[in-house]
């Protein structure tokens, strides 16, 4: 029984000895105020003082803080350190304590450094972060993630200034690692509409519409959770080919027809949903929908409207432009005549068994239409202008 009790007691003491004393807040009864801080490379090395907060504010309402007197004759890297084997305790860096924060009150902009040291004085070196404010409290954040799973530390070193001095200076610091107990996460929401994809604040690339949560660090080093209501706008870049009439399947969009054989040069004046090429070749359409732009695959046109599948034919529409009444004249007997508007909607259809057929579109609004007349072996496609 004695052996068991002694073993349990030994384990209990070992657990107590391996632990980290944070946050370092210099408050009576807290951590840091009665530690053995040693000042180095500061000429006469005046002792670190624990003094009343010179400027209590919302960011730092502590009653007491650390005061470091940086002497002009001291080195730029003058600083102070805790005692090995006591004070801060013995600890490893994990994901839970890898972010170290410190509040500083300085009269100039310069680097602040923090270094962690093992019992054998080994270290991975200090990390430096400059302050951006003067004559007021500011919280700086140091990322020690690269130290995770590495050495076992029992000392922390603070370099308040890292700069040559033209005169003695006073620097205050406080609340080291205090984010562990005082950090408050913030939240916000945004509505985003984007083309193709969206890069979230954290760097994640989102490609589908939905509601997402993204997390970044705010100015205090705490989590900022952003709810993103994302709409990814897409463009229908598919096309249809009916003989030599090309059309975009996208509705209520802007169109530019392009000549693929001429390095996608824009075909002047061809800005409608339908396009009837005047020459053989490869053509594509650039579609703009809700501000998003995409281009179709190239469409190969191998025959024009007056070419038969088996033989050459002749056909014409006159007059064109017209007032809605015109004649379709072909050297072959036609069976069907159909007229489409710019949106691809069928607006007129007529059965015929003649080479010459009169068409009446006076009931339609003025504008551009596309006529297709065909039989079993041939077809005729013509752009109609009603005015």
Protein backbone atom coordinates (compact mmCIF):
# COMPACT_ATOMS: atom_id res chain seq x y z
CA UNK A 1 0.00 0.00 0.00
CA UNK A 2 2.84 2.44 0.80
CA UNK A 3 4.48 1.74 -2.56
CA UNK A 4 1.22 2.47 -4.37
CA UNK A 5 0.66 5.71 -2.46
CA UNK A 6 4.21 6.85 -3.08
CA UNK A 7 3.90 6.06 -6.77
CA UNK A 8 0.65 7.99 -7.06
CA UNK A 9 2.14 10.93 -5.17
CA UNK A 10 5.19 10.92 -7.47
CA UNK A 11 3.05 10.92 -10.58
CA UNK A 12 0.87 13.72 -9.18
CA UNK A 13 3.93 15.88 -8.48
CA UNK A 14 5.30 15.18 -11.99
CA UNK A 15 2.08 16.29 -13.60
CA UNK A 16 2.04 19.47 -11.56
CA UNK A 17 5.62 20.25 -12.54
CA UNK A 18 4.96 19.86 -16.27
CA UNK A 19 2.63 22.73 -17.08
CA UNK A 20 2.50 26.26 -18.43
CA UNK A 21 1.75 29.29 -16.26
CA UNK A 22 -0.24 31.61 -18.53
CA UNK A 23 -1.54 34.17 -19.21
CA UNK A 24 1.29 36.39 -18.00
CA UNK A 25 -0.74 39.37 -16.79
CA UNK A 26 1.51 40.87 -14.04
CA UNK A 27 -1.52 41.15 -11.74
CA UNK A 28 -1.21 40.45 -7.99
CA UNK A 29 -1.98 36.76 -7.57
CA UNK A 30 -1.56 36.20 -11.33
CA UNK A 31 1.47 35.16 -13.34
CA UNK A 32 4.53 37.32 -13.99
CA UNK A 33 4.40 39.88 -11.19
CA UNK A 34 6.68 38.01 -8.76
CA UNK A 35 8.81 36.10 -11.28
CA UNK A 36 12.57 36.41 -11.55
CA UNK A 37 12.94 38.55 -14.70
CA UNK A 38 16.56 39.09 -15.78
CA UNK A 39 17.40 42.06 -18.00
CA UNK A 40 20.30 41.60 -20.47
CA UNK A 41 22.38 43.62 -22.98
CA UNK A 42 20.91 46.89 -21.63
CA UNK A 43 24.16 48.52 -20.39
CA UNK A 44 23.56 48.74 -16.62
CA UNK A 45 20.55 46.43 -16.98
CA UNK A 46 17.97 48.28 -14.85
CA UNK A 47 15.48 45.80 -13.44
CA UNK A 48 12.09 45.12 -15.04
CA UNK A 49 9.45 46.95 -13.00
CA UNK A 50 5.83 46.03 -12.31
CA UNK A 51 3.97 49.36 -12.30
CA UNK A 52 0.41 50.76 -12.56
CA UNK A 53 -1.04 50.76 -16.06
CA UNK A 54 -0.06 54.15 -17.57
CA UNK A 55 -3.08 54.19 -19.91
CA UNK A 56 -6.03 51.99 -18.94
CA UNK A 57 -8.27 51.50 -21.98
CA UNK A 58 -10.82 49.09 -23.44
CA UNK A 59 -8.07 46.99 -25.00
CA UNK A 60 -6.06 46.84 -21.76
CA UNK A 61 -7.76 47.63 -18.48
CA UNK A 62 -5.15 45.78 -16.37
CA UNK A 63 -4.21 47.42 -13.10
CA UNK A 64 -0.47 46.59 -13.37
CA UNK A 65 1.90 46.04 -16.30
CA UNK A 66 5.62 45.46 -16.97
CA UNK A 67 7.86 48.50 -17.50
CA UNK A 68 11.13 48.10 -19.46
CA UNK A 69 13.63 50.99 -19.44
CA UNK A 70 15.56 50.72 -22.75
CA UNK A 71 18.81 52.62 -22.33
CA UNK A 72 20.46 54.57 -25.14
CA UNK A 73 23.73 52.78 -24.32
CA UNK A 74 22.02 49.40 -24.44
CA UNK A 75 22.05 47.04 -27.44
CA UNK A 76 19.13 47.07 -29.92
CA UNK A 77 18.35 43.50 -28.84
CA UNK A 78 18.25 44.31 -25.13
CA UNK A 79 15.49 42.39 -23.38
CA UNK A 80 14.40 40.38 -20.38
CA UNK A 81 13.93 36.68 -19.65
CA UNK A 82 12.32 34.42 -17.07
CA UNK A 83 14.25 31.99 -14.87
CA UNK A 84 14.84 28.45 -16.13
CA UNK A 85 13.04 25.71 -14.24
CA UNK A 86 10.45 28.00 -12.61
CA UNK A 87 8.27 30.99 -13.45
CA UNK A 88 6.56 30.00 -16.72
CA UNK A 89 6.91 26.26 -16.06
CA UNK A 90 7.81 23.48 -18.52
CA UNK A 91 5.80 23.09 -21.70
CA UNK A 92 5.65 22.13 -25.37
CA UNK A 93 4.10 24.13 -28.20
CA UNK A 94 0.84 22.59 -29.42
CA UNK A 95 -1.95 23.81 -31.66
CA UNK A 96 -3.67 25.10 -28.51
CA UNK A 97 -0.88 27.51 -27.46
CA UNK A 98 0.99 28.14 -30.73
CA UNK A 99 -0.43 31.65 -31.10
CA UNK A 100 1.25 34.00 -28.63
CA UNK A 101 -0.11 37.51 -28.14
CA UNK A 102 1.40 40.40 -26.25
CA UNK A 103 0.15 43.93 -25.57
CA UNK A 104 2.71 46.73 -25.97
CA UNK A 105 2.74 50.48 -25.33
CA UNK A 106 5.61 52.14 -27.24
CA UNK A 107 6.77 55.57 -28.33
CA UNK A 108 8.11 54.45 -31.74
CA UNK A 109 7.53 51.82 -34.41
CA UNK A 110 9.98 48.92 -34.21
CA UNK A 111 10.11 45.14 -33.99
CA UNK A 112 9.05 43.30 -30.84
CA UNK A 113 10.59 39.85 -30.44
CA UNK A 114 9.61 36.72 -28.50
CA UNK A 115 11.85 33.68 -28.09
CA UNK A 116 11.25 30.33 -26.35
CA UNK A 117 14.23 28.54 -24.79
CA UNK A 118 14.84 25.03 -23.43
CA UNK A 119 16.55 24.16 -20.14
CA UNK A 120 19.78 23.58 -22.11
CA UNK A 121 19.51 27.07 -23.73
CA UNK A 122 18.48 25.66 -27.10
CA UNK A 123 16.05 27.69 -29.18
CA UNK A 124 14.60 27.95 -32.68
CA UNK A 125 15.16 31.70 -32.56
CA UNK A 126 12.96 34.69 -31.92
CA UNK A 127 9.94 35.72 -33.95
CA UNK A 128 9.62 39.46 -34.64
CA UNK A 129 6.46 41.50 -35.19
CA UNK A 130 6.45 45.34 -35.41
CA UNK A 131 3.93 47.50 -33.60
CA UNK A 132 1.84 49.81 -35.79
CA UNK A 133 0.60 52.24 -33.12
CA UNK A 134 2.44 54.57 -30.76
CA UNK A 135 1.51 56.02 -27.36
CA UNK A 136 -1.37 53.58 -26.99
CA UNK A 137 -1.86 49.92 -26.24
CA UNK A 138 -1.72 47.49 -29.16
CA UNK A 139 -1.97 43.69 -29.20
CA UNK A 140 0.58 41.90 -31.40
CA UNK A 141 0.20 38.29 -32.56
CA UNK A 142 3.09 35.82 -32.98
CA UNK A 143 2.62 32.51 -34.77
CA UNK A 144 4.75 29.71 -33.27
CA UNK A 145 3.06 26.94 -35.29
CA UNK A 146 6.44 25.92 -36.71
CA UNK A 147 7.47 24.95 -33.15
CA UNK A 148 4.61 22.48 -32.63
CA UNK A 149 5.78 19.01 -31.61
CA UNK A 150 9.38 20.15 -31.16
CA UNK A 151 11.39 21.13 -28.10
CA UNK A 152 10.35 21.28 -24.45
CA UNK A 153 10.65 24.85 -23.17
CA UNK A 154 10.97 26.38 -19.70
CA UNK A 155 11.84 30.00 -20.47
CA UNK A 156 10.38 32.94 -22.42
CA UNK A 157 12.48 35.90 -23.61
CA UNK A 158 10.98 39.30 -24.52
CA UNK A 159 12.80 41.80 -26.80
CA UNK A 160 10.72 44.99 -26.47
CA UNK A 161 12.45 47.21 -29.03
CA UNK A 162 15.05 45.80 -31.51
CA UNK A 163 16.26 49.27 -32.54
CA UNK A 164 19.19 51.60 -31.88
CA UNK A 165 18.20 54.44 -29.56
CA UNK A 166 19.12 58.14 -29.57
CA UNK A 167 17.89 58.45 -25.97
CA UNK A 168 16.58 56.31 -23.14
CA UNK A 169 13.07 55.02 -23.79
CA UNK A 170 10.26 53.49 -21.74
CA UNK A 171 8.34 50.49 -23.11
CA UNK A 172 5.41 48.79 -21.38
CA UNK A 173 4.17 45.27 -22.11
CA UNK A 174 1.41 43.10 -20.67
CA UNK A 175 -0.97 40.16 -21.14
CA UNK A 176 1.30 37.59 -22.80
CA UNK A 177 -0.74 34.64 -24.08
CA UNK A 178 -3.82 36.44 -22.72
CA UNK A 179 -5.85 35.49 -25.80
CA UNK A 180 -6.33 32.05 -24.27
CA UNK A 181 -8.63 33.55 -21.65
CA UNK A 182 -9.83 36.85 -23.12
CA UNK A 183 -10.24 36.10 -26.83
CA UNK A 184 -13.74 36.62 -28.18
CA UNK A 185 -14.64 35.39 -31.60
CA UNK A 186 -16.57 37.66 -33.94
CA UNK A 187 -19.06 36.79 -36.64
CA UNK A 188 -20.43 38.40 -39.78
CA UNK A 189 -22.30 37.48 -42.93
CA UNK A 190 -21.94 38.50 -46.57
CA UNK A 191 -23.93 37.94 -49.75
CA UNK A 192 -21.78 37.31 -52.80
CA UNK A 193 -22.62 36.80 -56.49
CA UNK A 194 -19.68 35.82 -58.65
CA UNK A 195 -18.92 34.37 -62.06
CA UNK A 196 -17.48 30.82 -62.30
CA UNK A 197 -15.83 30.76 -58.83
CA UNK A 198 -15.25 32.77 -55.64
CA UNK A 199 -12.17 32.98 -53.41
CA UNK A 200 -13.19 33.14 -49.74
CA UNK A 201 -11.27 35.38 -47.28
CA UNK A 202 -9.33 32.34 -46.01
CA UNK A 203 -8.24 31.47 -49.57
CA UNK A 204 -10.64 28.57 -50.21
CA UNK A 205 -11.99 28.50 -53.78
CA UNK A 206 -15.76 27.88 -54.02
CA UNK A 207 -17.34 26.87 -57.34
CA UNK A 208 -20.99 26.10 -56.50
CA UNK A 209 -23.77 28.20 -55.03
CA UNK A 210 -24.60 27.65 -51.36
CA UNK A 211 -24.08 28.87 -47.80
CA UNK A 212 -20.55 28.45 -46.44
CA UNK A 213 -18.72 29.26 -43.21
CA UNK A 214 -15.22 30.67 -43.42
CA UNK A 215 -12.85 31.44 -40.51
CA UNK A 216 -10.01 33.94 -40.38
CA UNK A 217 -8.22 35.77 -37.56
CA UNK A 218 -9.50 39.21 -36.65
CA UNK A 219 -7.30 42.14 -35.60
CA UNK A 220 -7.17 40.81 -32.02
CA UNK A 221 -5.94 37.39 -33.15
CA UNK A 222 -9.31 35.76 -32.44
CA UNK A 223 -11.52 33.75 -34.78
CA UNK A 224 -13.69 35.77 -37.14
CA UNK A 225 -16.41 33.49 -38.51
CA UNK A 226 -17.92 34.65 -41.80
CA UNK A 227 -21.15 33.20 -43.19
CA UNK A 228 -21.04 33.45 -46.99
CA UNK A 229 -24.31 33.28 -48.96
CA UNK A 230 -22.80 32.53 -52.36
CA UNK A 231 -24.42 32.58 -55.79
CA UNK A 232 -22.28 31.37 -58.67
CA UNK A 233 -23.65 32.77 -61.93
CA UNK A 234 -23.15 30.50 -64.92
CA UNK A 235 -23.41 31.18 -68.63
CA UNK A 236 -25.12 28.81 -71.07
CA UNK A 237 -22.46 28.60 -73.79
CA UNK A 238 -24.14 25.78 -75.72
CA UNK A 239 -25.19 26.33 -79.33
CA UNK A 240 -27.42 24.87 -82.00
CA UNK A 241 -26.78 24.39 -85.71
CA UNK A 242 -29.64 24.04 -88.16
CA UNK A 243 -28.13 23.87 -91.61
CA UNK A 244 -26.13 27.05 -91.89
CA UNK A 245 -28.15 28.90 -89.20
CA UNK A 246 -26.18 29.06 -85.96
CA UNK A 247 -27.82 30.02 -82.68
CA UNK A 248 -26.95 30.44 -79.02
CA UNK A 249 -29.12 28.57 -76.53
CA UNK A 250 -28.70 31.33 -73.92
CA UNK A 251 -31.74 33.58 -73.54
CA UNK A 252 -31.89 37.24 -72.48
CA UNK A 253 -28.16 37.70 -73.00
CA UNK A 254 -25.75 39.75 -75.09
CA UNK A 255 -24.03 38.03 -78.02
CA UNK A 256 -20.90 38.51 -80.14
CA UNK A 257 -20.24 36.10 -82.99
CA UNK A 258 -16.57 35.30 -83.54
CA UNK A 259 -14.50 33.89 -86.40
CA UNK A 260 -12.45 31.03 -84.95
CA UNK A 261 -10.29 30.86 -88.09
CA UNK A 262 -9.20 34.48 -87.54
CA UNK A 263 -8.06 34.13 -83.94
CA UNK A 264 -11.62 34.62 -82.63
CA UNK A 265 -11.98 38.03 -84.29
CA UNK A 266 -15.35 39.69 -83.69
CA UNK A 267 -17.66 39.63 -86.73
CA UNK A 268 -18.85 43.20 -87.02
CA UNK A 269 -22.58 43.72 -86.65
CA UNK A 270 -23.35 40.12 -85.67
CA UNK A 271 -24.70 40.64 -82.16
CA UNK A 272 -27.94 38.66 -82.27
CA UNK A 273 -28.80 35.23 -80.92
CA UNK A 274 -28.80 33.85 -84.51
CA UNK A 275 -26.04 34.07 -87.09
CA UNK A 276 -26.00 32.97 -90.72
CA UNK A 277 -22.41 32.85 -92.04
CA UNK A 278 -21.73 34.18 -95.52
CA UNK A 279 -18.63 32.01 -95.92
CA UNK A 280 -17.58 28.52 -94.89
CA UNK A 281 -15.50 28.21 -91.73
CA UNK A 282 -15.57 27.84 -87.95
CA UNK A 283 -17.55 30.18 -85.74
CA UNK A 284 -18.25 30.70 -82.03
CA UNK A 285 -20.42 32.98 -79.94
CA UNK A 286 -19.39 34.99 -76.88
CA UNK A 287 -22.32 35.18 -74.46
CA UNK A 288 -22.71 37.70 -71.61
CA UNK A 289 -25.36 36.88 -68.99
CA UNK A 290 -25.73 38.94 -65.79
CA UNK A 291 -22.24 40.34 -66.27
CA UNK A 292 -20.63 36.91 -66.69
CA UNK A 293 -18.92 36.07 -69.99
CA UNK A 294 -18.23 32.71 -71.65
CA UNK A 295 -17.51 31.55 -75.19
CA UNK A 296 -18.95 28.54 -77.00
CA UNK A 297 -17.03 25.83 -78.78
CA UNK A 298 -16.36 26.52 -82.45
CA UNK A 299 -19.04 25.37 -84.91
CA UNK A 300 -17.95 24.07 -88.30
CA UNK A 301 -20.05 25.32 -91.21
CA UNK A 302 -19.45 23.19 -94.32
CA UNK A 303 -22.33 24.38 -96.53
CA UNK A 304 -24.26 27.59 -97.16
CA UNK A 305 -28.01 28.09 -97.57
CA UNK A 306 -28.17 27.62 -101.33
CA UNK A 307 -26.26 24.34 -101.44
CA UNK A 308 -28.24 21.08 -101.85
CA UNK A 309 -27.23 17.94 -100.07
CA UNK A 310 -26.80 16.35 -103.49
CA UNK A 311 -26.83 19.19 -106.01
CA UNK A 312 -26.68 22.98 -106.30
CA UNK A 313 -30.00 24.86 -106.05
CA UNK A 314 -30.99 28.46 -106.38
CA UNK A 315 -33.35 30.33 -104.06
CA UNK A 316 -34.17 33.87 -103.10
CA UNK A 317 -36.52 36.04 -101.04
CA UNK A 318 -37.86 39.32 -102.44
CA UNK A 319 -38.30 42.03 -101.54
CA UNK A 320 -35.90 41.99 -98.59
CA UNK A 321 -36.13 44.19 -96.53
CA UNK A 322 -39.91 44.21 -96.80
CA UNK A 323 -43.13 45.28 -95.03
CA UNK A 324 -43.93 41.70 -94.01
CA UNK A 325 -45.13 40.46 -97.39
CA UNK A 326 -42.53 38.77 -99.57
CA UNK A 327 -42.02 35.90 -102.01
CA UNK A 328 -39.90 32.78 -101.55
CA UNK A 329 -38.65 31.63 -104.95
CA UNK A 330 -36.67 28.40 -105.48
CA UNK A 331 -35.84 26.26 -108.49
CA UNK A 332 -36.97 23.23 -106.44
CA UNK A 333 -40.41 22.56 -105.06
CA UNK A 334 -40.50 23.42 -101.35
CA UNK A 335 -42.59 21.61 -98.74
CA UNK A 336 -42.19 23.66 -95.55
CA UNK A 337 -41.59 27.31 -94.80
CA UNK A 338 -40.81 28.32 -91.20
CA UNK A 339 -39.90 31.69 -89.69
CA UNK A 340 -38.10 32.18 -86.32
CA UNK A 341 -37.55 35.28 -84.20
CA UNK A 342 -34.25 36.29 -82.60
CA UNK A 343 -34.99 34.13 -79.53
CA UNK A 344 -35.40 31.02 -81.67
CA UNK A 345 -39.17 30.94 -81.24
CA UNK A 346 -41.20 29.67 -84.20
CA UNK A 347 -43.50 32.56 -85.25
CA UNK A 348 -44.74 31.38 -88.65
CA UNK A 349 -45.16 28.00 -90.36
CA UNK A 350 -46.67 27.10 -93.73
CA UNK A 351 -46.99 23.93 -95.79
CA UNK A 352 -46.47 24.37 -99.53
CA UNK A 353 -45.91 22.35 -102.67
CA UNK A 354 -44.64 25.09 -104.92
CA UNK A 355 -41.44 26.63 -106.12
CA UNK A 356 -42.84 30.12 -105.55
CA UNK A 357 -44.73 30.91 -102.33
CA UNK A 358 -46.10 34.19 -100.96
CA UNK A 359 -45.52 34.76 -97.23
CA UNK A 360 -47.41 37.28 -95.08
CA UNK A 361 -45.82 38.42 -91.78
CA UNK A 362 -47.70 41.70 -91.44
CA UNK A 363 -49.06 40.61 -88.06
CA UNK A 364 -45.52 40.48 -86.63
CA UNK A 365 -43.53 43.36 -85.19
CA UNK A 366 -40.82 44.95 -87.26
CA UNK A 367 -37.42 43.41 -86.79
CA UNK A 368 -35.06 40.64 -87.86
CA UNK A 369 -36.33 37.12 -88.52
CA UNK A 370 -34.88 33.93 -89.93
CA UNK A 371 -36.64 31.93 -92.65
CA UNK A 372 -36.03 28.29 -93.37
CA UNK A 373 -37.61 26.59 -96.42
CA UNK A 374 -36.91 22.95 -97.23
CA UNK A 375 -37.84 19.73 -98.95
CA UNK A 376 -36.48 16.22 -98.68
CA UNK A 377 -33.14 16.99 -100.29
CA UNK A 378 -32.40 20.66 -99.83
CA UNK A 379 -32.95 23.67 -97.62
CA UNK A 380 -32.85 27.42 -97.96
CA UNK A 381 -32.03 29.72 -95.02
CA UNK A 382 -32.37 33.49 -95.27
CA UNK A 383 -32.32 36.44 -92.84
CA UNK A 384 -35.51 38.53 -93.21
CA UNK A 385 -35.78 42.20 -92.28
CA UNK A 386 -39.30 43.51 -91.71
CA UNK A 387 -39.61 47.30 -91.56
